[in-house]
Amino acid sequence: MSDIEIARKATMKPISEVAEKLQIPESAIIAFGKTKAKIDPEYLATLGDRPDGKLILVTAISPTPAGEGKTTTSVGLTDGLSRIGKKSIVCLREPSLGPCFGMKGGAAGGGYAQVVPMEDINLHFTGDFHAIGAAHNLLSALLDNHIHWGNSLEIDARRVQWKRVIDMNDRALRNITAGLGGPGNGFPRQDGYDITVASEIMAIFCLANDLEDLKARLNKIVVAYTRDHKPVLASEIKGIGAMAVLLKDALAPNLVQTLENNPAIIHGGPFANIAHGCNSVIATKAGLKMADYVVTEAGFGADLGAEKFFNIKCRSAGLSPDAAVIVATVRALKMHGNVSKDNLGEENVEALQEGCSNLVRHIENVKSFGVPVVVAINRFITDTDAEVAMIKQVAEANGVKAIDCTHWSDGGAGTEALAHEVVELVEGGHANFAPLYPDEMPLWEKVKTVATRLYRADDIIADQKIRDQINKLQESGYGHFPVCIAKTQYSFSTDPNLKGAPDNHVMAIREVRLSAGAGFIVVVCGDIMTMPGLPRVPAANNIDIDANGEVVGLF
């Protein structure tokens, strides 16, 4: 059966019963039908005296078209921990409509390791993304309105930094001209759109601790500069209260369930290749107060998602992870060993061993943060025993265990061995987490540290204009910020075609963006776009609703 067929046959419990597993009183849940709810932030504020549970990060090797299954493994591990008697919860990001209708499809897991209701989670859900997009675009409208009505802040229309957003892949909106049509339509200027998941509002939403922190961060957004290069803050545009009103309800985390009726909090959704790639701090901290084990994920491979989880989210929120799981598949590692997608079903231990260089580098990188590691082999039916044995051998040679997992077909029963290993790592007390670089390190050196130590680049390069911009940010008091690298997810380098574990490459910085409210500097490298485009044959071409009112073609 397809993922959507499996999800549709699931026996879901009323969301109030799922909440009971976490001792959430019915008065503290705001139901969205029978199977979804938001958790009242006022209730979460009462949990401060409870001890924190253990935090487990699920990350992965560099992604390939063969698939890795990071979300599927996060859900499967949560079900596996529950099966061995641990009170567990999974905290995930909300899917973006862009990939759902583009190439990647949904992001609710797969097979018998899914969160449900699958269609709702993938399509609109509880409206959080719409609220984030509306708040972002309200600030855009207020900014242009200020310029139209006299521009008392003396904003240089050529130096407006604040783009508009839409939660859809639409390359035609990357660069536009706004304000055409005469004096009644404002002043013409160049503008553009990012996808909502790249919005600074999304980053702020996911890093804020509460409504007060959210508003404080919104105030700090730099929306433009004057002719004298003086920054203009969102607070000066005077729309922060209205933006907070749009975001207020969205700030409450969303509660759903796995196929095995275990609790899942799904909240926030920045991409990791163009943003910081982690679910909300509010959701993660809530999970830590309500469960013994919290499983969370960070987007794409460990070089992107895990790096940002450690260096940005954990630094900002004061989190300290207890263990990490790196998801790998035989198929994907063979692609890193230069096997074509059409030949992945054939046993090829030699190519697999070559492709395992990618896994080894990710193991080394995650270990460098002081976090103990286990590899989860997300097993496919075409994987041979010899191939699985090769991954285990490589992992053991690098000081970690690799566990064979069959959660796609067996649900939580297929991850019990992984769950036991995670518990052993956690209870062993081996975690000694520390970010990769200190706050006081200069911005240029922070970028170089990530590039050379994690990507194994020889160096970083940038035009003098970019170097001057970085120096200006340093001098303007933003030097203590972490850096958020925007680059291709398909390679350690900025060339998506370089598989495995490339070295002897140089990372070129194309653009630098200040996210003053979020508290980091976005460093755009290579050809990565903050507004993706649709593929030649978008997934939307195959999505429909049948005569019975049921969604078909969603995966």
Protein backbone atom coordinates (compact mmCIF):
# COMPACT_ATOMS: atom_id res chain seq x y z
CA MET A 1 0.00 0.00 0.00
CA SER A 2 1.04 3.61 -0.52
CA ASP A 3 1.79 5.92 2.41
CA ILE A 4 -1.55 7.67 2.07
CA GLU A 5 -3.42 4.35 1.96
CA ILE A 6 -1.64 3.13 5.10
CA ALA A 7 -2.38 6.43 6.85
CA ARG A 8 -6.04 6.33 5.83
CA LYS A 9 -6.48 2.85 7.32
CA ALA A 10 -4.99 3.94 10.66
CA THR A 11 -7.11 3.74 13.80
CA MET A 12 -6.59 7.15 15.32
CA LYS A 13 -7.45 7.89 18.92
CA PRO A 14 -9.29 11.07 19.92
CA ILE A 15 -6.68 13.74 20.46
CA SER A 16 -7.79 14.07 24.10
CA GLU A 17 -6.64 10.47 24.71
CA VAL A 18 -3.26 11.22 23.11
CA ALA A 19 -2.97 14.27 25.37
CA GLU A 20 -3.67 12.07 28.41
CA LYS A 21 -0.45 10.14 27.69
CA LEU A 22 1.39 13.38 28.44
CA GLN A 23 -0.87 14.26 31.39
CA ILE A 24 -2.19 17.28 29.48
CA PRO A 25 -5.63 18.16 30.89
CA GLU A 26 -8.46 18.48 28.40
CA SER A 27 -8.83 22.13 29.39
CA ALA A 28 -5.33 22.78 28.00
CA ILE A 29 -5.96 21.50 24.48
CA ILE A 30 -7.60 23.50 21.71
CA ALA A 31 -9.08 20.88 19.40
CA PHE A 32 -9.01 21.12 15.62
CA GLY A 33 -11.53 18.38 14.97
CA LYS A 34 -11.11 14.98 16.61
CA THR A 35 -7.47 14.22 15.76
CA LYS A 36 -5.55 17.51 15.97
CA ALA A 37 -5.12 20.08 18.70
CA LYS A 38 -3.01 22.98 19.85
CA ILE A 39 -1.58 22.96 23.37
CA ASP A 40 -2.42 26.09 25.35
CA PRO A 41 0.80 28.09 25.99
CA GLU A 42 -0.56 29.15 29.38
CA TYR A 43 -0.55 25.49 30.41
CA LEU A 44 2.99 24.99 29.08
CA ALA A 45 4.14 27.93 31.20
CA THR A 46 3.15 25.94 34.32
CA LEU A 47 5.59 23.11 33.53
CA GLY A 48 8.78 25.01 34.34
CA ASP A 49 9.57 23.16 37.57
CA ARG A 50 9.49 19.71 35.96
CA PRO A 51 12.85 18.07 35.16
CA ASP A 52 13.79 17.84 31.50
CA GLY A 53 13.74 14.57 29.62
CA LYS A 54 16.48 13.38 27.27
CA LEU A 55 16.90 15.01 23.85
CA ILE A 56 17.68 12.81 20.84
CA LEU A 57 18.53 14.34 17.46
CA VAL A 58 17.82 12.40 14.28
CA THR A 59 19.91 13.52 11.33
CA ALA A 60 21.15 11.81 8.16
CA ILE A 61 23.74 11.34 5.46
CA SER A 62 23.72 13.76 2.53
CA PRO A 63 20.38 13.27 0.74
CA THR A 64 20.03 11.63 -2.67
CA PRO A 65 17.09 10.83 -4.96
CA ALA A 66 17.20 7.31 -3.48
CA GLY A 67 15.82 8.61 -0.17
CA GLU A 68 17.04 8.37 3.41
CA GLY A 69 13.92 8.44 5.62
CA LYS A 70 14.87 10.82 8.42
CA THR A 71 11.29 11.70 9.42
CA THR A 72 10.23 8.07 9.04
CA THR A 73 13.06 7.05 11.38
CA SER A 74 12.21 9.79 13.89
CA VAL A 75 8.64 8.48 14.09
CA GLY A 76 9.76 4.84 14.13
CA LEU A 77 12.27 5.49 16.92
CA THR A 78 9.60 7.23 19.02
CA ASP A 79 7.31 4.22 18.60
CA GLY A 80 10.22 1.90 19.38
CA LEU A 81 11.07 3.77 22.59
CA SER A 82 7.43 3.53 23.63
CA ARG A 83 7.45 -0.23 22.98
CA ILE A 84 10.39 -0.72 25.34
CA GLY A 85 8.62 1.20 28.08
CA LYS A 86 9.94 4.74 27.66
CA LYS A 87 7.62 7.75 27.76
CA SER A 88 8.49 9.29 24.41
CA ILE A 89 7.37 12.04 22.07
CA VAL A 90 8.49 13.11 18.61
CA CYS A 91 8.90 16.81 17.75
CA LEU A 92 8.90 17.51 14.01
CA ARG A 93 8.69 20.39 11.56
CA GLU A 94 5.51 21.19 9.66
CA PRO A 95 5.64 20.39 5.93
CA SER A 96 5.79 23.21 3.39
CA LEU A 97 3.34 23.22 0.49
CA GLY A 98 6.27 23.95 -1.86
CA PRO A 99 7.85 20.46 -1.71
CA CYS A 100 4.45 18.77 -1.35
CA PHE A 101 3.44 20.06 -4.77
CA GLY A 102 6.98 20.10 -6.12
CA MET A 103 9.37 17.16 -6.00
CA LYS A 104 9.90 15.92 -2.45
CA GLY A 105 6.28 15.16 -1.56
CA GLY A 106 4.97 15.23 2.00
CA ALA A 107 6.91 15.14 5.24
CA ALA A 108 4.84 13.03 7.60
CA GLY A 109 7.02 9.91 7.53
CA GLY A 110 6.30 6.80 5.51
CA GLY A 111 5.04 3.24 5.56
CA TYR A 112 4.11 2.18 9.10
CA ALA A 113 6.14 4.97 10.70
CA GLN A 114 3.99 8.02 10.05
CA VAL A 115 2.28 10.85 11.87
CA VAL A 116 -1.42 11.25 11.19
CA PRO A 117 -3.76 12.67 9.94
CA MET A 118 -1.32 12.62 7.03
CA GLU A 119 -3.33 14.72 4.53
CA ASP A 120 -4.06 17.44 7.06
CA ILE A 121 -0.45 17.64 8.26
CA ASN A 122 0.82 18.00 4.68
CA LEU A 123 -1.90 20.40 3.49
CA HIS A 124 -2.59 23.58 5.52
CA PHE A 125 -2.59 21.70 8.89
CA THR A 126 -3.68 24.24 11.53
CA GLY A 127 -2.84 27.31 9.45
CA ASP A 128 0.49 28.17 11.09
CA PHE A 129 2.32 28.74 7.80
CA HIS A 130 -0.46 30.99 6.55
CA ALA A 131 -0.16 33.07 9.72
CA ILE A 132 3.60 33.34 9.31
CA GLY A 133 3.27 34.35 5.66
CA ALA A 134 0.57 36.90 6.52
CA ALA A 135 2.67 38.45 9.29
CA HIS A 136 5.70 38.65 6.98
CA ASN A 137 3.73 40.23 4.13
CA LEU A 138 2.00 42.66 6.49
CA LEU A 139 5.43 44.06 7.33
CA SER A 140 6.19 44.24 3.58
CA ALA A 141 2.96 46.17 2.97
CA LEU A 142 3.58 48.54 5.90
CA LEU A 143 7.11 49.19 4.65
CA ASP A 144 5.97 50.19 1.16
CA ASN A 145 3.09 52.15 2.66
CA HIS A 146 5.56 54.15 4.76
CA ILE A 147 7.57 55.02 1.66
CA HIS A 148 4.37 55.98 -0.20
CA TRP A 149 3.17 58.37 2.52
CA GLY A 150 6.22 60.59 2.69
CA ASN A 151 9.03 58.27 3.81
CA SER A 152 9.82 60.14 7.03
CA LEU A 153 12.47 57.51 7.88
CA GLU A 154 14.29 58.40 4.63
CA ILE A 155 14.43 54.77 3.49
CA ASP A 156 16.49 54.24 0.35
CA ALA A 157 14.16 52.20 -1.89
CA ARG A 158 17.26 50.66 -3.48
CA ARG A 159 18.30 49.28 -0.10
CA VAL A 160 15.08 47.61 1.03
CA GLN A 161 16.08 44.22 2.50
CA TRP A 162 12.64 42.83 3.29
CA LYS A 163 11.23 40.64 0.51
CA ARG A 164 7.75 39.15 0.36
CA VAL A 165 7.02 35.42 0.84
CA ILE A 166 4.70 32.70 -0.40
CA ASP A 167 4.60 29.01 0.64
CA MET A 168 5.01 27.70 -2.89
CA ASN A 169 7.85 26.98 -5.31
CA ASP A 170 7.56 29.79 -7.87
CA ARG A 171 10.77 30.80 -9.65
CA ALA A 172 8.98 33.62 -11.53
CA LEU A 173 8.69 35.54 -8.25
CA ARG A 174 12.38 35.49 -7.35
CA ASN A 175 12.92 38.94 -8.84
CA ILE A 176 10.03 41.29 -9.59
CA THR A 177 9.26 44.98 -10.00
CA ALA A 178 6.66 46.31 -7.56
CA GLY A 179 4.73 49.58 -7.50
CA LEU A 180 4.06 50.00 -11.22
CA GLY A 181 0.99 51.83 -12.50
CA GLY A 182 1.39 55.43 -11.45
CA PRO A 183 1.49 57.49 -8.23
CA GLY A 184 -1.50 55.76 -6.65
CA ASN A 185 0.35 52.45 -6.57
CA GLY A 186 3.42 53.51 -4.64
CA PHE A 187 6.99 53.96 -5.82
CA PRO A 188 8.34 51.47 -8.38
CA ARG A 189 11.23 49.40 -7.04
CA GLN A 190 12.86 46.04 -7.46
CA ASP A 191 11.53 43.39 -5.10
CA GLY A 192 11.28 39.62 -4.85
CA TYR A 193 9.80 36.66 -3.02
CA ASP A 194 11.30 33.96 -0.83
CA ILE A 195 9.49 30.78 0.10
CA THR A 196 7.81 31.12 3.51
CA VAL A 197 10.14 28.59 5.13
CA ALA A 198 13.07 30.94 4.38
CA SER A 199 11.33 33.91 6.03
CA GLU A 200 12.98 35.53 9.03
CA ILE A 201 9.54 35.45 10.63
CA MET A 202 9.67 31.65 10.38
CA ALA A 203 13.11 31.64 12.00
CA ILE A 204 11.94 33.98 14.76
CA PHE A 205 8.79 31.91 15.28
CA CYS A 206 10.90 28.77 15.74
CA LEU A 207 13.51 30.34 18.04
CA ALA A 208 11.21 32.41 20.28
CA ASN A 209 10.53 31.13 23.80
CA ASP A 210 7.13 32.81 24.15
CA LEU A 211 4.99 35.68 22.87
CA GLU A 212 7.05 38.31 24.69
CA ASP A 213 10.29 36.97 23.19
CA LEU A 214 8.61 36.80 19.77
CA LYS A 215 7.67 40.49 19.88
CA ALA A 216 11.13 41.49 21.09
CA ARG A 217 12.70 39.63 18.17
CA LEU A 218 10.25 41.11 15.63
CA ASN A 219 11.24 44.59 16.78
CA LYS A 220 14.89 43.93 15.87
CA ILE A 221 14.32 42.97 12.22
CA VAL A 222 16.32 45.19 9.85
CA VAL A 223 13.97 45.90 6.93
CA ALA A 224 15.97 48.50 4.98
CA TYR A 225 18.74 51.08 5.05
CA THR A 226 18.78 54.84 4.50
CA ARG A 227 20.99 56.58 1.94
CA ASP A 228 23.47 57.04 4.80
CA HIS A 229 23.43 53.26 5.38
CA LYS A 230 21.61 53.60 8.67
CA PRO A 231 19.55 50.46 9.44
CA VAL A 232 15.76 50.83 9.63
CA LEU A 233 14.15 48.46 12.12
CA ALA A 234 10.73 46.85 11.95
CA SER A 235 9.89 48.61 15.21
CA GLU A 236 10.15 51.94 13.35
CA ILE A 237 7.54 50.79 10.81
CA LYS A 238 5.12 50.33 13.73
CA GLY A 239 3.44 47.02 12.86
CA ILE A 240 4.84 44.67 15.51
CA GLY A 241 1.63 44.48 17.54
CA ALA A 242 -0.43 43.61 14.46
CA MET A 243 2.11 40.98 13.39
CA ALA A 244 2.02 39.44 16.88
CA VAL A 245 -1.78 39.28 16.68
CA LEU A 246 -1.51 37.25 13.46
CA LEU A 247 1.06 34.92 15.07
CA LYS A 248 -0.52 34.55 18.52
CA ASP A 249 -2.59 31.43 17.87
CA ALA A 250 0.06 29.86 15.65
CA LEU A 251 2.55 30.07 18.52
CA ALA A 252 0.69 27.28 20.34
CA PRO A 253 2.32 23.94 19.37
CA ASN A 254 0.32 21.32 17.46
CA LEU A 255 -0.40 17.89 18.93
CA VAL A 256 -1.09 14.86 16.72
CA GLN A 257 -0.18 11.16 16.91
CA THR A 258 1.86 8.43 15.26
CA LEU A 259 0.23 5.39 13.66
CA GLU A 260 0.83 3.64 16.99
CA ASN A 261 -1.01 6.44 18.82
CA ASN A 262 2.06 7.95 20.45
CA PRO A 263 2.13 11.75 20.84
CA ALA A 264 3.77 13.96 18.23
CA ILE A 265 4.25 17.72 18.35
CA ILE A 266 4.61 19.29 14.91
CA HIS A 267 5.41 23.00 14.95
CA GLY A 268 7.33 25.39 12.70
CA GLY A 269 9.17 24.44 9.55
CA PRO A 270 12.29 26.26 8.25
CA PHE A 271 14.27 24.44 5.55
CA ALA A 272 17.85 23.51 6.42
CA ASN A 273 19.42 24.28 3.03
CA ILE A 274 18.26 27.92 3.13
CA ALA A 275 17.32 28.44 6.80
CA HIS A 276 18.07 26.81 10.17
CA GLY A 277 16.09 23.62 9.63
CA CYS A 278 14.61 22.89 13.08
CA ASN A 279 11.14 22.75 14.63
CA SER A 280 10.18 25.36 17.22
CA VAL A 281 12.00 25.83 20.52
CA ILE A 282 8.59 26.03 22.18
CA ALA A 283 7.70 22.54 20.94
CA THR A 284 11.04 21.00 21.90
CA LYS A 285 11.05 22.52 25.39
CA ALA A 286 7.43 21.47 25.91
CA GLY A 287 8.31 17.91 24.90
CA LEU A 288 11.24 17.84 27.32
CA LYS A 289 8.91 18.77 30.19
CA MET A 290 6.27 16.18 29.27
CA ALA A 291 8.25 13.09 28.24
CA ASP A 292 11.34 11.12 29.27
CA TYR A 293 12.66 10.93 25.69
CA VAL A 294 12.16 13.61 23.04
CA VAL A 295 13.06 12.65 19.48
CA THR A 296 13.54 15.57 17.11
CA GLU A 297 15.01 15.97 13.64
CA ALA A 298 16.98 18.57 11.73
CA GLY A 299 16.63 18.98 7.99
CA PHE A 300 18.71 17.31 5.28
CA GLY A 301 22.16 15.90 6.09
CA ALA A 302 24.10 16.42 9.30
CA ASP A 303 26.36 19.00 7.61
CA LEU A 304 23.33 21.31 7.28
CA GLY A 305 20.52 20.42 9.69
CA ALA A 306 22.54 18.98 12.57
CA GLU A 307 25.13 21.76 12.33
CA LYS A 308 22.41 24.41 12.61
CA PHE A 309 20.59 22.49 15.34
CA PHE A 310 23.79 22.47 17.38
CA ASN A 311 25.22 25.89 16.53
CA ILE A 312 22.01 27.92 16.28
CA LYS A 313 19.04 26.28 18.01
CA CYS A 314 20.85 24.70 20.96
CA ARG A 315 22.97 27.82 21.46
CA SER A 316 19.94 30.13 21.37
CA ALA A 317 17.65 27.95 23.51
CA GLY A 318 20.20 26.54 25.95
CA LEU A 319 19.51 22.95 24.87
CA SER A 320 21.97 20.11 25.36
CA PRO A 321 21.35 16.97 23.23
CA ASP A 322 22.04 13.59 24.78
CA ALA A 323 22.52 11.48 21.63
CA ALA A 324 22.26 11.62 17.85
CA VAL A 325 21.02 9.13 15.27
CA ILE A 326 22.41 9.30 11.73
CA VAL A 327 20.02 7.73 9.21
CA ALA A 328 21.57 5.96 6.23
CA THR A 329 20.30 3.69 3.50
CA VAL A 330 22.16 1.19 1.36
CA ARG A 331 20.61 2.76 -1.73
CA ALA A 332 21.71 6.32 -0.92
CA LEU A 333 25.23 5.27 0.02
CA LYS A 334 25.54 3.39 -3.27
CA MET A 335 24.58 6.60 -5.06
CA HIS A 336 27.38 8.31 -3.16
CA GLY A 337 29.55 5.52 -4.57
CA ASN A 338 28.50 6.61 -8.09
CA VAL A 339 25.85 3.95 -8.77
CA SER A 340 23.05 5.25 -10.99
CA LYS A 341 19.51 5.33 -9.65
CA ASP A 342 18.44 2.67 -12.16
CA ASN A 343 20.98 0.16 -10.80
CA LEU A 344 20.43 0.58 -7.06
CA GLY A 345 18.56 -2.74 -6.78
CA GLU A 346 21.67 -4.72 -7.70
CA GLU A 347 24.13 -5.76 -4.99
CA ASN A 348 27.30 -3.69 -5.19
CA VAL A 349 29.35 -3.91 -2.01
CA GLU A 350 32.37 -2.22 -3.58
CA ALA A 351 30.41 0.91 -4.57
CA LEU A 352 28.68 0.89 -1.19
CA GLN A 353 32.04 0.88 0.58
CA GLU A 354 33.13 3.85 -1.51
CA GLY A 355 29.87 5.69 -0.76
CA CYS A 356 30.28 5.06 2.96
CA SER A 357 32.86 7.86 2.92
CA ASN A 358 29.84 10.16 3.18
CA LEU A 359 28.58 8.35 6.28
CA VAL A 360 32.03 8.39 7.90
CA ARG A 361 32.33 12.15 7.50
CA HIS A 362 28.91 12.72 9.05
CA ILE A 363 29.86 10.47 11.98
CA GLU A 364 33.06 12.46 12.51
CA ASN A 365 31.20 15.76 12.27
CA VAL A 366 28.47 14.90 14.77
CA LYS A 367 31.03 13.48 17.19
CA SER A 368 32.94 16.77 17.01
CA PHE A 369 30.06 18.41 18.90
CA GLY A 370 30.54 16.01 21.81
CA VAL A 371 27.35 14.05 21.13
CA PRO A 372 27.36 10.21 21.10
CA VAL A 373 26.20 8.68 17.82
CA VAL A 374 24.40 5.61 16.51
CA VAL A 375 23.69 4.83 12.84
CA ALA A 376 20.19 3.71 11.84
CA ILE A 377 20.17 1.64 8.65
CA ASN A 378 16.75 2.32 7.16
CA ARG A 379 16.40 -1.01 5.40
CA PHE A 380 14.83 -1.53 1.96
CA ILE A 381 13.64 -4.88 0.63
CA THR A 382 16.37 -4.85 -2.05
CA ASP A 383 19.20 -4.50 0.50
CA THR A 384 21.34 -7.61 0.79
CA ASP A 385 22.85 -8.99 3.99
CA ALA A 386 26.35 -8.36 2.61
CA GLU A 387 25.55 -4.69 2.00
CA VAL A 388 24.08 -4.19 5.47
CA ALA A 389 27.10 -5.95 6.96
CA MET A 390 29.39 -3.53 5.11
CA ILE A 391 27.69 -0.48 6.69
CA LYS A 392 27.94 -2.08 10.13
CA GLN A 393 31.63 -2.80 9.55
CA VAL A 394 32.33 0.79 8.48
CA ALA A 395 30.41 2.18 11.45
CA GLU A 396 32.23 -0.08 13.91
CA ALA A 397 35.57 0.97 12.44
CA ASN A 398 34.59 4.54 13.29
CA GLY A 399 33.60 3.76 16.86
CA VAL A 400 29.81 3.58 16.55
CA LYS A 401 27.16 0.93 16.14
CA ALA A 402 24.91 0.61 13.08
CA ILE A 403 21.48 -0.87 13.76
CA ASP A 404 19.37 -2.61 11.14
CA CYS A 405 15.89 -0.97 11.21
CA THR A 406 12.66 -2.07 9.52
CA HIS A 407 10.25 0.56 10.81
CA TRP A 408 8.88 1.35 7.34
CA SER A 409 7.33 -2.10 7.19
CA ASP A 410 7.14 -3.03 10.89
CA GLY A 411 6.55 0.27 12.70
CA GLY A 412 7.95 0.55 16.23
CA ALA A 413 8.74 -3.19 16.33
CA GLY A 414 11.36 -2.52 13.64
CA THR A 415 13.24 -0.01 15.78
CA GLU A 416 13.33 -1.71 19.20
CA ALA A 417 17.03 -2.53 18.80
CA LEU A 418 17.73 1.08 17.85
CA ALA A 419 15.71 2.29 20.83
CA HIS A 420 17.72 0.10 23.21
CA GLU A 421 20.98 1.45 21.77
CA VAL A 422 19.78 5.05 22.12
CA VAL A 423 18.84 4.42 25.76
CA GLU A 424 22.24 2.82 26.39
CA LEU A 425 24.02 5.83 24.88
CA VAL A 426 21.95 8.26 26.92
CA GLU A 427 22.26 6.40 30.19
CA GLY A 428 25.99 6.01 29.62
CA GLY A 429 26.29 9.77 30.17
CA HIS A 430 28.80 10.22 27.36
CA ALA A 431 27.35 13.47 26.02
CA ASN A 432 29.59 16.50 26.41
CA PHE A 433 27.92 18.90 24.00
CA ALA A 434 29.55 22.12 22.86
CA PRO A 435 28.94 24.26 19.75
CA LEU A 436 31.59 24.27 17.04
CA TYR A 437 32.72 27.86 17.64
CA PRO A 438 32.46 30.46 20.42
CA ASP A 439 30.23 33.54 20.22
CA GLU A 440 33.21 35.89 20.22
CA MET A 441 34.82 34.37 17.09
CA PRO A 442 34.63 36.88 14.17
CA LEU A 443 31.94 36.20 11.55
CA TRP A 444 34.39 35.46 8.75
CA GLU A 445 36.17 32.91 10.93
CA LYS A 446 32.86 31.30 11.92
CA VAL A 447 32.01 30.71 8.26
CA LYS A 448 35.51 29.42 7.61
CA THR A 449 35.33 27.10 10.63
CA VAL A 450 32.13 25.47 9.39
CA ALA A 451 33.47 25.24 5.83
CA THR A 452 36.85 23.78 6.70
CA ARG A 453 35.97 21.57 9.67
CA LEU A 454 32.58 20.19 8.55
CA TYR A 455 32.58 20.56 4.75
CA ARG A 456 36.38 19.94 4.54
CA ALA A 457 36.77 22.90 2.19
CA ASP A 458 40.29 24.24 1.70
CA ASP A 459 39.08 27.80 2.14
CA ILE A 460 36.22 30.26 1.65
CA ILE A 461 36.19 33.09 -0.88
CA ALA A 462 34.02 36.15 -1.47
CA ASP A 463 34.05 39.33 -3.54
CA GLN A 464 35.33 42.44 -1.80
CA LYS A 465 31.75 43.73 -1.61
CA ILE A 466 30.73 40.67 0.44
CA ARG A 467 33.84 40.93 2.64
CA ASP A 468 33.04 44.58 3.31
CA GLN A 469 29.46 43.64 4.19
CA ILE A 470 30.65 41.01 6.67
CA ASN A 471 33.08 43.50 8.21
CA LYS A 472 30.27 46.06 8.50
CA LEU A 473 28.05 43.53 10.30
CA GLN A 474 30.93 42.75 12.64
CA GLU A 475 31.48 46.43 13.40
CA SER A 476 27.73 47.06 13.85
CA GLY A 477 27.47 44.75 16.83
CA TYR A 478 26.33 41.54 15.13
CA GLY A 479 29.65 39.72 15.37
CA HIS A 480 28.46 37.52 18.22
CA PHE A 481 25.73 35.97 16.03
CA PRO A 482 26.08 32.40 14.75
CA VAL A 483 26.13 31.89 10.99
CA CYS A 484 23.46 30.06 9.00
CA ILE A 485 24.95 28.59 5.83
CA ALA A 486 22.58 28.38 2.83
CA LYS A 487 23.96 25.86 0.34
CA THR A 488 23.04 22.77 -1.64
CA GLN A 489 21.95 19.83 0.49
CA TYR A 490 23.28 17.25 -1.95
CA SER A 491 26.99 17.62 -1.27
CA PHE A 492 29.48 18.71 1.37
CA SER A 493 30.65 21.17 -1.28
CA THR A 494 28.63 23.85 -3.07
CA ASP A 495 28.49 21.63 -6.18
CA PRO A 496 25.48 19.26 -5.90
CA ASN A 497 27.16 16.79 -8.26
CA LEU A 498 30.10 16.09 -5.93
CA LYS A 499 28.94 13.00 -4.01
CA GLY A 500 30.62 11.03 -1.27
CA ALA A 501 33.05 13.05 0.85
CA PRO A 502 34.71 15.60 -1.42
CA ASP A 503 37.67 17.69 -0.30
CA ASN A 504 40.05 20.08 -2.09
CA HIS A 505 37.14 22.42 -2.83
CA VAL A 506 36.58 26.08 -2.05
CA MET A 507 33.30 27.52 -0.75
CA ALA A 508 32.25 30.71 -2.54
CA ILE A 509 30.02 33.14 -0.61
CA ARG A 510 27.50 34.76 -2.95
CA GLU A 511 25.41 36.83 -0.55
CA VAL A 512 25.09 37.71 3.13
CA ARG A 513 21.79 38.51 4.86
CA LEU A 514 21.30 39.85 8.37
CA SER A 515 18.53 38.17 10.38
CA ALA A 516 18.76 40.44 13.39
CA GLY A 517 15.50 39.28 14.95
CA ALA A 518 16.30 35.61 14.57
CA GLY A 519 19.79 36.26 15.84
CA PHE A 520 21.96 34.87 13.05
CA ILE A 521 23.67 35.81 9.77
CA VAL A 522 22.55 33.95 6.63
CA VAL A 523 25.49 33.17 4.35
CA VAL A 524 24.33 32.19 0.86
CA CYS A 525 26.81 29.98 -1.03
CA GLY A 526 26.94 28.57 -4.53
CA ASP A 527 23.78 28.50 -6.63
CA ILE A 528 21.27 27.81 -3.84
CA MET A 529 17.99 29.76 -4.15
CA THR A 530 15.77 31.00 -1.31
CA MET A 531 12.81 30.65 -3.70
CA PRO A 532 12.88 27.15 -5.24
CA GLY A 533 11.35 26.31 -8.60
CA LEU A 534 9.11 23.44 -9.62
CA PRO A 535 10.58 20.41 -11.45
CA ARG A 536 9.64 19.58 -15.04
CA VAL A 537 6.93 17.21 -13.75
CA PRO A 538 5.68 18.58 -10.40
CA ALA A 539 4.05 16.29 -7.85
CA ALA A 540 1.01 18.57 -8.15
CA ASN A 541 0.31 17.00 -11.55
CA ASN A 542 -0.68 13.75 -9.81
CA ILE A 543 -2.61 15.09 -6.81
CA ASP A 544 -6.39 15.08 -7.00
CA ILE A 545 -9.55 14.53 -5.01
CA ASP A 546 -11.80 11.62 -5.97
CA ALA A 547 -15.57 11.30 -6.13
CA ASN A 548 -15.64 10.29 -2.44
CA GLY A 549 -13.86 13.48 -1.41
CA GLU A 550 -10.58 11.71 -0.61
CA VAL A 551 -7.17 13.07 -1.57
CA VAL A 552 -5.21 10.89 -4.00
CA GLY A 553 -1.64 11.15 -5.28
CA LEU A 554 -0.18 12.69 -2.13
CA PHE A 555 2.93 10.89 -0.83
